[in-house]
């Protein structure tokens, strides 16, 4: 019997991007930013990321890492938990629209 090798990481061609949670998180970030009257460029600067990357996050085109979520929450001066609550609320609202 031949020994199988185990490869680390995700299989080739797989991704962690899921459009619904990415979009819901982006809407939560955008709402918090607009509520505070902060420009997208300013928020990106405060979070120490590129403005174009922030735009992709807000449009739901990018699934941020935990580290990035924490940076954004700190820049917005809110807890990451509050961002997640808003994200979950956006997900529930989107699922109601689909049914």
PDB file of N, CA and C in Angstrom:
ATOM      1  N   UNK A   1       0.851  -1.178   0.000  1.00  0.00           N
ATOM      2  CA  UNK A   1       0.000   0.000   0.000  1.00  0.00           C
ATOM      3  C   UNK A   1       0.896   1.240   0.000  1.00  0.00           C
ATOM      4  N   UNK A   2       0.557   2.178  -0.860  1.00  0.00           N
ATOM      5  CA  UNK A   2       1.342   3.386  -0.994  1.00  0.00           C
ATOM      6  C   UNK A   2       0.839   4.448  -0.011  1.00  0.00           C
ATOM      7  N   UNK A   3       1.762   5.152   0.606  1.00  0.00           N
ATOM      8  CA  UNK A   3       1.413   6.187   1.579  1.00  0.00           C
ATOM      9  C   UNK A   3       0.953   7.447   0.846  1.00  0.00           C
ATOM     10  N   UNK A   4      -0.205   7.962   1.270  1.00  0.00           N
ATOM     11  CA  UNK A   4      -0.727   9.203   0.682  1.00  0.00           C
ATOM     12  C   UNK A   4      -0.074  10.401   1.340  1.00  0.00           C
ATOM     13  N   UNK A   5       0.266  11.389   0.542  1.00  0.00           N
ATOM     14  CA  UNK A   5       0.808  12.623   1.106  1.00  0.00           C
ATOM     15  C   UNK A   5      -0.343  13.600   1.324  1.00  0.00           C
ATOM     16  N   UNK A   6      -0.248  14.362   2.366  1.00  0.00           N
ATOM     17  CA  UNK A   6      -1.264  15.357   2.682  1.00  0.00           C
ATOM     18  C   UNK A   6      -0.706  16.723   2.334  1.00  0.00           C
ATOM     19  N   UNK A   7      -1.437  17.433   1.481  1.00  0.00           N
ATOM     20  CA  UNK A   7      -0.999  18.766   1.106  1.00  0.00           C
ATOM     21  C   UNK A   7      -1.645  19.788   2.021  1.00  0.00           C
ATOM     22  N   UNK A   8      -0.865  20.788   2.399  1.00  0.00           N
ATOM     23  CA  UNK A   8      -1.377  21.840   3.250  1.00  0.00           C
ATOM     24  C   UNK A   8      -2.129  22.879   2.437  1.00  0.00           C
ATOM     25  N   UNK A   9      -3.036  23.573   3.095  1.00  0.00           N
ATOM     26  CA  UNK A   9      -3.763  24.659   2.451  1.00  0.00           C
ATOM     27  C   UNK A   9      -4.983  24.196   1.686  1.00  0.00           C
ATOM     28  N   UNK A  10      -5.615  25.157   1.023  1.00  0.00           N
ATOM     29  CA  UNK A  10      -6.810  24.861   0.246  1.00  0.00           C
ATOM     30  C   UNK A  10      -6.441  24.163  -1.050  1.00  0.00           C
ATOM     31  N   UNK A  11      -7.332  23.328  -1.548  1.00  0.00           N
ATOM     32  CA  UNK A  11      -7.093  22.720  -2.861  1.00  0.00           C
ATOM     33  C   UNK A  11      -7.028  23.799  -3.941  1.00  0.00           C
ATOM     34  N   UNK A  12      -6.265  23.537  -4.977  1.00  0.00           N
ATOM     35  CA  UNK A  12      -6.127  24.498  -6.071  1.00  0.00           C
ATOM     36  C   UNK A  12      -7.502  24.846  -6.636  1.00  0.00           C
ATOM     37  N   UNK A  13      -7.702  26.130  -6.894  1.00  0.00           N
ATOM     38  CA  UNK A  13      -8.950  26.574  -7.502  1.00  0.00           C
ATOM     39  C   UNK A  13     -10.061  26.911  -6.531  1.00  0.00           C
ATOM     40  N   UNK A  14      -9.872  26.656  -5.236  1.00  0.00           N
ATOM     41  CA  UNK A  14     -10.921  26.994  -4.274  1.00  0.00           C
ATOM     42  C   UNK A  14     -10.698  28.408  -3.749  1.00  0.00           C
ATOM     43  N   UNK A  15     -11.731  28.967  -3.180  1.00  0.00           N
ATOM     44  CA  UNK A  15     -11.664  30.340  -2.702  1.00  0.00           C
ATOM     45  C   UNK A  15     -12.463  30.480  -1.415  1.00  0.00           C
ATOM     46  N   UNK A  16     -12.133  31.509  -0.636  1.00  0.00           N
ATOM     47  CA  UNK A  16     -12.909  31.768   0.571  1.00  0.00           C
ATOM     48  C   UNK A  16     -13.954  32.856   0.329  1.00  0.00           C
ATOM     49  N   UNK A  17     -14.022  33.362  -0.887  1.00  0.00           N
ATOM     50  CA  UNK A  17     -14.963  34.437  -1.188  1.00  0.00           C
ATOM     51  C   UNK A  17     -16.382  33.901  -1.278  1.00  0.00           C
ATOM     52  N   UNK A  18     -17.265  34.508  -0.524  1.00  0.00           N
ATOM     53  CA  UNK A  18     -18.690  34.211  -0.609  1.00  0.00           C
ATOM     54  C   UNK A  18     -19.400  35.550  -0.758  1.00  0.00           C
ATOM     55  N   UNK A  19     -20.156  35.745  -1.838  1.00  0.00           N
ATOM     56  CA  UNK A  19     -20.707  37.063  -2.127  1.00  0.00           C
ATOM     57  C   UNK A  19     -21.702  37.602  -1.094  1.00  0.00           C
ATOM     58  N   UNK A  20     -22.563  36.751  -0.531  1.00  0.00           N
ATOM     59  CA  UNK A  20     -23.580  37.264   0.388  1.00  0.00           C
ATOM     60  C   UNK A  20     -22.964  37.854   1.664  1.00  0.00           C
ATOM     61  N   UNK A  21     -22.101  37.128   2.391  1.00  0.00           N
ATOM     62  CA  UNK A  21     -21.503  37.730   3.581  1.00  0.00           C
ATOM     63  C   UNK A  21     -20.598  38.913   3.253  1.00  0.00           C
ATOM     64  N   UNK A  22     -19.903  38.847   2.128  1.00  0.00           N
ATOM     65  CA  UNK A  22     -19.029  39.960   1.743  1.00  0.00           C
ATOM     66  C   UNK A  22     -19.843  41.222   1.506  1.00  0.00           C
ATOM     67  N   UNK A  23     -20.959  41.074   0.813  1.00  0.00           N
ATOM     68  CA  UNK A  23     -21.831  42.221   0.542  1.00  0.00           C
ATOM     69  C   UNK A  23     -22.455  42.751   1.832  1.00  0.00           C
ATOM     70  N   UNK A  24     -22.902  41.848   2.694  1.00  0.00           N
ATOM     71  CA  UNK A  24     -23.514  42.261   3.965  1.00  0.00           C
ATOM     72  C   UNK A  24     -22.513  43.006   4.843  1.00  0.00           C
ATOM     73  N   UNK A  25     -21.266  42.527   4.872  1.00  0.00           N
ATOM     74  CA  UNK A  25     -20.242  43.214   5.661  1.00  0.00           C
ATOM     75  C   UNK A  25     -19.947  44.580   5.053  1.00  0.00           C
ATOM     76  N   UNK A  26     -19.840  44.640   3.736  1.00  0.00           N
ATOM     77  CA  UNK A  26     -19.575  45.914   3.073  1.00  0.00           C
ATOM     78  C   UNK A  26     -20.649  46.950   3.356  1.00  0.00           C
ATOM     79  N   UNK A  27     -21.910  46.509   3.350  1.00  0.00           N
ATOM     80  CA  UNK A  27     -23.012  47.423   3.669  1.00  0.00           C
ATOM     81  C   UNK A  27     -22.922  47.913   5.112  1.00  0.00           C
ATOM     82  N   UNK A  28     -22.507  47.038   6.018  1.00  0.00           N
ATOM     83  CA  UNK A  28     -22.367  47.417   7.429  1.00  0.00           C
ATOM     84  C   UNK A  28     -21.261  48.459   7.601  1.00  0.00           C
ATOM     85  N   UNK A  29     -20.148  48.253   6.910  1.00  0.00           N
ATOM     86  CA  UNK A  29     -19.033  49.208   6.989  1.00  0.00           C
ATOM     87  C   UNK A  29     -19.460  50.549   6.408  1.00  0.00           C
ATOM     88  N   UNK A  30     -20.080  50.518   5.248  1.00  0.00           N
ATOM     89  CA  UNK A  30     -20.502  51.759   4.594  1.00  0.00           C
ATOM     90  C   UNK A  30     -21.503  52.526   5.463  1.00  0.00           C
ATOM     91  N   UNK A  31     -22.469  51.816   6.044  1.00  0.00           N
ATOM     92  CA  UNK A  31     -23.466  52.480   6.898  1.00  0.00           C
ATOM     93  C   UNK A  31     -22.802  53.130   8.107  1.00  0.00           C
ATOM     94  N   UNK A  32     -21.867  52.414   8.741  1.00  0.00           N
ATOM     95  CA  UNK A  32     -21.172  52.968   9.913  1.00  0.00           C
ATOM     96  C   UNK A  32     -20.331  54.178   9.511  1.00  0.00           C
ATOM     97  N   UNK A  33     -19.693  54.093   8.366  1.00  0.00           N
ATOM     98  CA  UNK A  33     -18.858  55.204   7.890  1.00  0.00           C
ATOM     99  C   UNK A  33     -19.709  56.428   7.590  1.00  0.00           C
ATOM    100  N   UNK A  34     -20.812  56.240   6.886  1.00  0.00           N
ATOM    101  CA  UNK A  34     -21.676  57.371   6.546  1.00  0.00           C
ATOM    102  C   UNK A  34     -22.341  57.964   7.783  1.00  0.00           C
ATOM    103  N   UNK A  35     -22.693  57.105   8.736  1.00  0.00           N
ATOM    104  CA  UNK A  35     -23.299  57.576   9.985  1.00  0.00           C
ATOM    105  C   UNK A  35     -22.353  58.520  10.729  1.00  0.00           C
ATOM    106  N   UNK A  36     -21.066  58.259  10.598  1.00  0.00           N
ATOM    107  CA  UNK A  36     -20.069  59.089  11.274  1.00  0.00           C
ATOM    108  C   UNK A  36     -19.566  60.242  10.406  1.00  0.00           C
ATOM    109  N   UNK A  37     -20.027  60.294   9.167  1.00  0.00           N
ATOM    110  CA  UNK A  37     -19.621  61.374   8.270  1.00  0.00           C
ATOM    111  C   UNK A  37     -18.169  61.287   7.834  1.00  0.00           C
ATOM    112  N   UNK A  38     -17.665  60.076   7.705  1.00  0.00           N
ATOM    113  CA  UNK A  38     -16.277  59.868   7.312  1.00  0.00           C
ATOM    114  C   UNK A  38     -16.229  59.513   5.826  1.00  0.00           C
ATOM    115  N   UNK A  39     -15.326  60.149   5.089  1.00  0.00           N
ATOM    116  CA  UNK A  39     -15.139  59.815   3.679  1.00  0.00           C
ATOM    117  C   UNK A  39     -14.447  58.459   3.564  1.00  0.00           C
ATOM    118  N   UNK A  40     -14.711  57.774   2.468  1.00  0.00           N
ATOM    119  CA  UNK A  40     -14.112  56.453   2.254  1.00  0.00           C
ATOM    120  C   UNK A  40     -12.582  56.527   2.282  1.00  0.00           C
ATOM    121  N   UNK A  41     -12.030  57.548   1.666  1.00  0.00           N
ATOM    122  CA  UNK A  41     -10.570  57.724   1.643  1.00  0.00           C
ATOM    123  C   UNK A  41     -10.014  57.919   3.055  1.00  0.00           C
ATOM    124  N   UNK A  42     -10.731  58.667   3.876  1.00  0.00           N
ATOM    125  CA  UNK A  42     -10.297  58.896   5.251  1.00  0.00           C
ATOM    126  C   UNK A  42     -10.340  57.599   6.060  1.00  0.00           C
ATOM    127  N   UNK A  43     -11.416  56.827   5.889  1.00  0.00           N
ATOM    128  CA  UNK A  43     -11.518  55.555   6.604  1.00  0.00           C
ATOM    129  C   UNK A  43     -10.391  54.615   6.187  1.00  0.00           C
ATOM    130  N   UNK A  44     -10.110  54.562   4.901  1.00  0.00           N
ATOM    131  CA  UNK A  44      -9.021  53.714   4.413  1.00  0.00           C
ATOM    132  C   UNK A  44      -7.695  54.138   5.043  1.00  0.00           C
ATOM    133  N   UNK A  45      -7.488  55.413   5.120  1.00  0.00           N
ATOM    134  CA  UNK A  45      -6.259  55.924   5.729  1.00  0.00           C
ATOM    135  C   UNK A  45      -6.184  55.561   7.212  1.00  0.00           C
ATOM    136  N   UNK A  46      -7.295  55.735   7.928  1.00  0.00           N
ATOM    137  CA  UNK A  46      -7.329  55.399   9.352  1.00  0.00           C
ATOM    138  C   UNK A  46      -7.097  53.899   9.590  1.00  0.00           C
ATOM    139  N   UNK A  47      -7.595  53.076   8.673  1.00  0.00           N
ATOM    140  CA  UNK A  47      -7.442  51.622   8.789  1.00  0.00           C
ATOM    141  C   UNK A  47      -6.118  51.140   8.192  1.00  0.00           C
ATOM    142  N   UNK A  48      -5.382  52.073   7.590  1.00  0.00           N
ATOM    143  CA  UNK A  48      -4.087  51.783   6.972  1.00  0.00           C
ATOM    144  C   UNK A  48      -4.184  50.759   5.847  1.00  0.00           C
ATOM    145  N   UNK A  49      -5.196  50.970   4.974  1.00  0.00           N
ATOM    146  CA  UNK A  49      -5.326  50.147   3.775  1.00  0.00           C
ATOM    147  C   UNK A  49      -5.549  51.076   2.582  1.00  0.00           C
ATOM    148  N   UNK A  50      -5.385  50.555   1.392  1.00  0.00           N
ATOM    149  CA  UNK A  50      -5.593  51.347   0.178  1.00  0.00           C
ATOM    150  C   UNK A  50      -7.074  51.712   0.027  1.00  0.00           C
ATOM    151  N   UNK A  51      -7.333  52.911  -0.495  1.00  0.00           N
ATOM    152  CA  UNK A  51      -8.706  53.351  -0.700  1.00  0.00           C
ATOM    153  C   UNK A  51      -9.438  52.430  -1.662  1.00  0.00           C
ATOM    154  N   UNK A  52      -8.755  51.967  -2.698  1.00  0.00           N
ATOM    155  CA  UNK A  52      -9.405  51.077  -3.660  1.00  0.00           C
ATOM    156  C   UNK A  52      -9.813  49.757  -3.002  1.00  0.00           C
ATOM    157  N   UNK A  53      -8.997  49.302  -2.056  1.00  0.00           N
ATOM    158  CA  UNK A  53      -9.328  48.074  -1.323  1.00  0.00           C
ATOM    159  C   UNK A  53     -10.557  48.305  -0.450  1.00  0.00           C
ATOM    160  N   UNK A  54     -10.628  49.471   0.182  1.00  0.00           N
ATOM    161  CA  UNK A  54     -11.793  49.806   0.999  1.00  0.00           C
ATOM    162  C   UNK A  54     -13.047  49.841   0.127  1.00  0.00           C
ATOM    163  N   UNK A  55     -12.918  50.380  -1.075  1.00  0.00           N
ATOM    164  CA  UNK A  55     -14.046  50.408  -1.994  1.00  0.00           C
ATOM    165  C   UNK A  55     -14.528  49.001  -2.347  1.00  0.00           C
ATOM    166  N   UNK A  56     -13.580  48.098  -2.568  1.00  0.00           N
ATOM    167  CA  UNK A  56     -13.940  46.710  -2.875  1.00  0.00           C
ATOM    168  C   UNK A  56     -14.637  46.050  -1.697  1.00  0.00           C
ATOM    169  N   UNK A  57     -14.189  46.359  -0.493  1.00  0.00           N
ATOM    170  CA  UNK A  57     -14.829  45.801   0.702  1.00  0.00           C
ATOM    171  C   UNK A  57     -16.261  46.318   0.803  1.00  0.00           C
ATOM    172  N   UNK A  58     -16.438  47.626   0.654  1.00  0.00           N
ATOM    173  CA  UNK A  58     -17.779  48.212   0.775  1.00  0.00           C
ATOM    174  C   UNK A  58     -18.726  47.724  -0.318  1.00  0.00           C
ATOM    175  N   UNK A  59     -18.203  47.422  -1.497  1.00  0.00           N
ATOM    176  CA  UNK A  59     -19.054  46.916  -2.585  1.00  0.00           C
ATOM    177  C   UNK A  59     -19.267  45.409  -2.500  1.00  0.00           C
ATOM    178  N   UNK A  60     -18.634  44.765  -1.533  1.00  0.00           N
ATOM    179  CA  UNK A  60     -18.783  43.324  -1.379  1.00  0.00           C
ATOM    180  C   UNK A  60     -17.982  42.522  -2.380  1.00  0.00           C
ATOM    181  N   UNK A  61     -16.965  43.131  -2.951  1.00  0.00           N
ATOM    182  CA  UNK A  61     -16.125  42.456  -3.935  1.00  0.00           C
ATOM    183  C   UNK A  61     -14.932  41.758  -3.288  1.00  0.00           C
ATOM    184  N   UNK A  62     -14.729  41.993  -2.008  1.00  0.00           N
ATOM    185  CA  UNK A  62     -13.601  41.395  -1.299  1.00  0.00           C
ATOM    186  C   UNK A  62     -14.066  40.894   0.059  1.00  0.00           C
ATOM    187  N   UNK A  63     -13.609  39.712   0.431  1.00  0.00           N
ATOM    188  CA  UNK A  63     -13.912  39.137   1.743  1.00  0.00           C
ATOM    189  C   UNK A  63     -12.724  39.440   2.659  1.00  0.00           C
ATOM    190  N   UNK A  64     -12.877  40.380   3.600  1.00  0.00           N
ATOM    191  CA  UNK A  64     -11.736  40.764   4.430  1.00  0.00           C
ATOM    192  C   UNK A  64     -11.365  39.685   5.447  1.00  0.00           C
ATOM    193  N   UNK A  65     -10.100  39.704   5.826  1.00  0.00           N
ATOM    194  CA  UNK A  65      -9.606  38.804   6.870  1.00  0.00           C
ATOM    195  C   UNK A  65     -10.017  39.341   8.233  1.00  0.00           C
ATOM    196  N   UNK A  66      -9.845  38.523   9.248  1.00  0.00           N
ATOM    197  CA  UNK A  66     -10.144  38.963  10.609  1.00  0.00           C
ATOM    198  C   UNK A  66      -9.296  40.172  10.983  1.00  0.00           C
ATOM    199  N   UNK A  67      -8.029  40.148  10.627  1.00  0.00           N
ATOM    200  CA  UNK A  67      -7.149  41.281  10.942  1.00  0.00           C
ATOM    201  C   UNK A  67      -7.664  42.566  10.308  1.00  0.00           C
ATOM    202  N   UNK A  68      -8.144  42.478   9.083  1.00  0.00           N
ATOM    203  CA  UNK A  68      -8.672  43.654   8.394  1.00  0.00           C
ATOM    204  C   UNK A  68      -9.985  44.124   9.008  1.00  0.00           C
ATOM    205  N   UNK A  69     -10.821  43.191   9.411  1.00  0.00           N
ATOM    206  CA  UNK A  69     -12.074  43.546  10.085  1.00  0.00           C
ATOM    207  C   UNK A  69     -11.774  44.319  11.364  1.00  0.00           C
ATOM    208  N   UNK A  70     -10.790  43.854  12.110  1.00  0.00           N
ATOM    209  CA  UNK A  70     -10.418  44.541  13.351  1.00  0.00           C
ATOM    210  C   UNK A  70      -9.865  45.932  13.077  1.00  0.00           C
ATOM    211  N   UNK A  71      -9.050  46.082  12.030  1.00  0.00           N
ATOM    212  CA  UNK A  71      -8.509  47.401  11.672  1.00  0.00           C
ATOM    213  C   UNK A  71      -9.635  48.371  11.310  1.00  0.00           C
ATOM    214  N   UNK A  72     -10.604  47.880  10.546  1.00  0.00           N
ATOM    215  CA  UNK A  72     -11.728  48.722  10.131  1.00  0.00           C
ATOM    216  C   UNK A  72     -12.560  49.126  11.345  1.00  0.00           C
ATOM    217  N   UNK A  73     -12.808  48.187  12.246  1.00  0.00           N
ATOM    218  CA  UNK A  73     -13.586  48.487  13.452  1.00  0.00           C
ATOM    219  C   UNK A  73     -12.879  49.540  14.299  1.00  0.00           C
ATOM    220  N   UNK A  74     -11.580  49.392  14.468  1.00  0.00           N
ATOM    221  CA  UNK A  74     -10.812  50.373  15.246  1.00  0.00           C
ATOM    222  C   UNK A  74     -10.871  51.742  14.580  1.00  0.00           C
ATOM    223  N   UNK A  75     -10.735  51.779  13.253  1.00  0.00           N
ATOM    224  CA  UNK A  75     -10.795  53.043  12.522  1.00  0.00           C
ATOM    225  C   UNK A  75     -12.161  53.709  12.670  1.00  0.00           C
ATOM    226  N   UNK A  76     -13.219  52.885  12.736  1.00  0.00           N
ATOM    227  CA  UNK A  76     -14.578  53.412  12.899  1.00  0.00           C
ATOM    228  C   UNK A  76     -14.914  53.706  14.363  1.00  0.00           C
ATOM    229  N   UNK A  77     -14.023  53.303  15.263  1.00  0.00           N
ATOM    230  CA  UNK A  77     -14.221  53.474  16.709  1.00  0.00           C
ATOM    231  C   UNK A  77     -15.482  52.753  17.194  1.00  0.00           C
ATOM    232  N   UNK A  78     -15.681  51.554  16.634  1.00  0.00           N
ATOM    233  CA  UNK A  78     -16.760  50.679  17.086  1.00  0.00           C
ATOM    234  C   UNK A  78     -16.172  49.284  17.273  1.00  0.00           C
ATOM    235  N   UNK A  79     -16.893  48.426  17.939  1.00  0.00           N
ATOM    236  CA  UNK A  79     -16.373  47.081  18.148  1.00  0.00           C
ATOM    237  C   UNK A  79     -16.591  46.237  16.895  1.00  0.00           C
ATOM    238  N   UNK A  80     -15.727  45.263  16.714  1.00  0.00           N
ATOM    239  CA  UNK A  80     -15.897  44.315  15.609  1.00  0.00           C
ATOM    240  C   UNK A  80     -17.206  43.555  15.794  1.00  0.00           C
ATOM    241  N   UNK A  81     -17.599  43.345  17.047  1.00  0.00           N
ATOM    242  CA  UNK A  81     -18.862  42.660  17.327  1.00  0.00           C
ATOM    243  C   UNK A  81     -20.042  43.468  16.774  1.00  0.00           C
ATOM    244  N   UNK A  82     -19.996  44.792  16.921  1.00  0.00           N
ATOM    245  CA  UNK A  82     -21.062  45.636  16.373  1.00  0.00           C
ATOM    246  C   UNK A  82     -21.119  45.528  14.849  1.00  0.00           C
ATOM    247  N   UNK A  83     -19.949  45.459  14.219  1.00  0.00           N
ATOM    248  CA  UNK A  83     -19.916  45.277  12.765  1.00  0.00           C
ATOM    249  C   UNK A  83     -20.523  43.934  12.370  1.00  0.00           C
ATOM    250  N   UNK A  84     -20.250  42.911  13.173  1.00  0.00           N
ATOM    251  CA  UNK A  84     -20.793  41.584  12.867  1.00  0.00           C
ATOM    252  C   UNK A  84     -22.302  41.540  13.078  1.00  0.00           C
ATOM    253  N   UNK A  85     -22.798  42.221  14.107  1.00  0.00           N
ATOM    254  CA  UNK A  85     -24.248  42.289  14.336  1.00  0.00           C
ATOM    255  C   UNK A  85     -24.930  42.952  13.140  1.00  0.00           C
ATOM    256  N   UNK A  86     -24.338  44.053  12.656  1.00  0.00           N
ATOM    257  CA  UNK A  86     -24.903  44.737  11.493  1.00  0.00           C
ATOM    258  C   UNK A  86     -24.819  43.850  10.252  1.00  0.00           C
ATOM    259  N   UNK A  87     -23.721  43.112  10.121  1.00  0.00           N
ATOM    260  CA  UNK A  87     -23.557  42.194   8.992  1.00  0.00           C
ATOM    261  C   UNK A  87     -24.629  41.111   9.023  1.00  0.00           C
ATOM    262  N   UNK A  88     -24.845  40.523  10.196  1.00  0.00           N
ATOM    263  CA  UNK A  88     -25.878  39.487  10.339  1.00  0.00           C
ATOM    264  C   UNK A  88     -27.264  40.036  10.020  1.00  0.00           C
ATOM    265  N   UNK A  89     -27.524  41.251  10.452  1.00  0.00           N
ATOM    266  CA  UNK A  89     -28.805  41.884  10.161  1.00  0.00           C
ATOM    267  C   UNK A  89     -28.981  42.067   8.654  1.00  0.00           C
ATOM    268  N   UNK A  90     -27.918  42.494   7.968  1.00  0.00           N
ATOM    269  CA  UNK A  90     -27.964  42.655   6.512  1.00  0.00           C
ATOM    270  C   UNK A  90     -28.185  41.315   5.813  1.00  0.00           C
ATOM    271  N   UNK A  91     -27.559  40.259   6.335  1.00  0.00           N
ATOM    272  CA  UNK A  91     -27.755  38.919   5.768  1.00  0.00           C
ATOM    273  C   UNK A  91     -29.197  38.456   5.909  1.00  0.00           C
ATOM    274  N   UNK A  92     -29.777  38.690   7.099  1.00  0.00           N
ATOM    275  CA  UNK A  92     -31.181  38.296   7.319  1.00  0.00           C
ATOM    276  C   UNK A  92     -32.102  39.069   6.387  1.00  0.00           C
ATOM    277  N   UNK A  93     -31.852  40.363   6.239  1.00  0.00           N
ATOM    278  CA  UNK A  93     -32.689  41.193   5.352  1.00  0.00           C
ATOM    279  C   UNK A  93     -32.581  40.706   3.909  1.00  0.00           C
ATOM    280  N   UNK A  94     -31.381  40.345   3.482  1.00  0.00           N
ATOM    281  CA  UNK A  94     -31.179  39.863   2.106  1.00  0.00           C
ATOM    282  C   UNK A  94     -31.878  38.520   1.892  1.00  0.00           C
ATOM    283  N   UNK A  95     -31.846  37.657   2.905  1.00  0.00           N
ATOM    284  CA  UNK A  95     -32.493  36.350   2.744  1.00  0.00           C
ATOM    285  C   UNK A  95     -34.017  36.498   2.704  1.00  0.00           C
ATOM    286  N   UNK A  96     -34.567  37.471   3.409  1.00  0.00           N
ATOM    287  CA  UNK A  96     -36.011  37.729   3.348  1.00  0.00           C
ATOM    288  C   UNK A  96     -36.432  38.214   1.980  1.00  0.00           C
ATOM    289  N   UNK A  97     -35.557  38.995   1.340  1.00  0.00           N
ATOM    290  CA  UNK A  97     -35.872  39.506   0.003  1.00  0.00           C
ATOM    291  C   UNK A  97     -35.875  38.376  -1.021  1.00  0.00           C
ATOM    292  N   UNK A  98     -35.048  37.358  -0.804  1.00  0.00           N
ATOM    293  CA  UNK A  98     -34.964  36.232  -1.752  1.00  0.00           C
ATOM    294  C   UNK A  98     -36.148  35.285  -1.629  1.00  0.00           C
ATOM    295  N   UNK A  99     -36.819  35.268  -0.483  1.00  0.00           N
ATOM    296  CA  UNK A  99     -37.921  34.310  -0.287  1.00  0.00           C
ATOM    297  C   UNK A  99     -39.255  34.900  -0.634  1.00  0.00           C
TER     298      UNK A  99
END
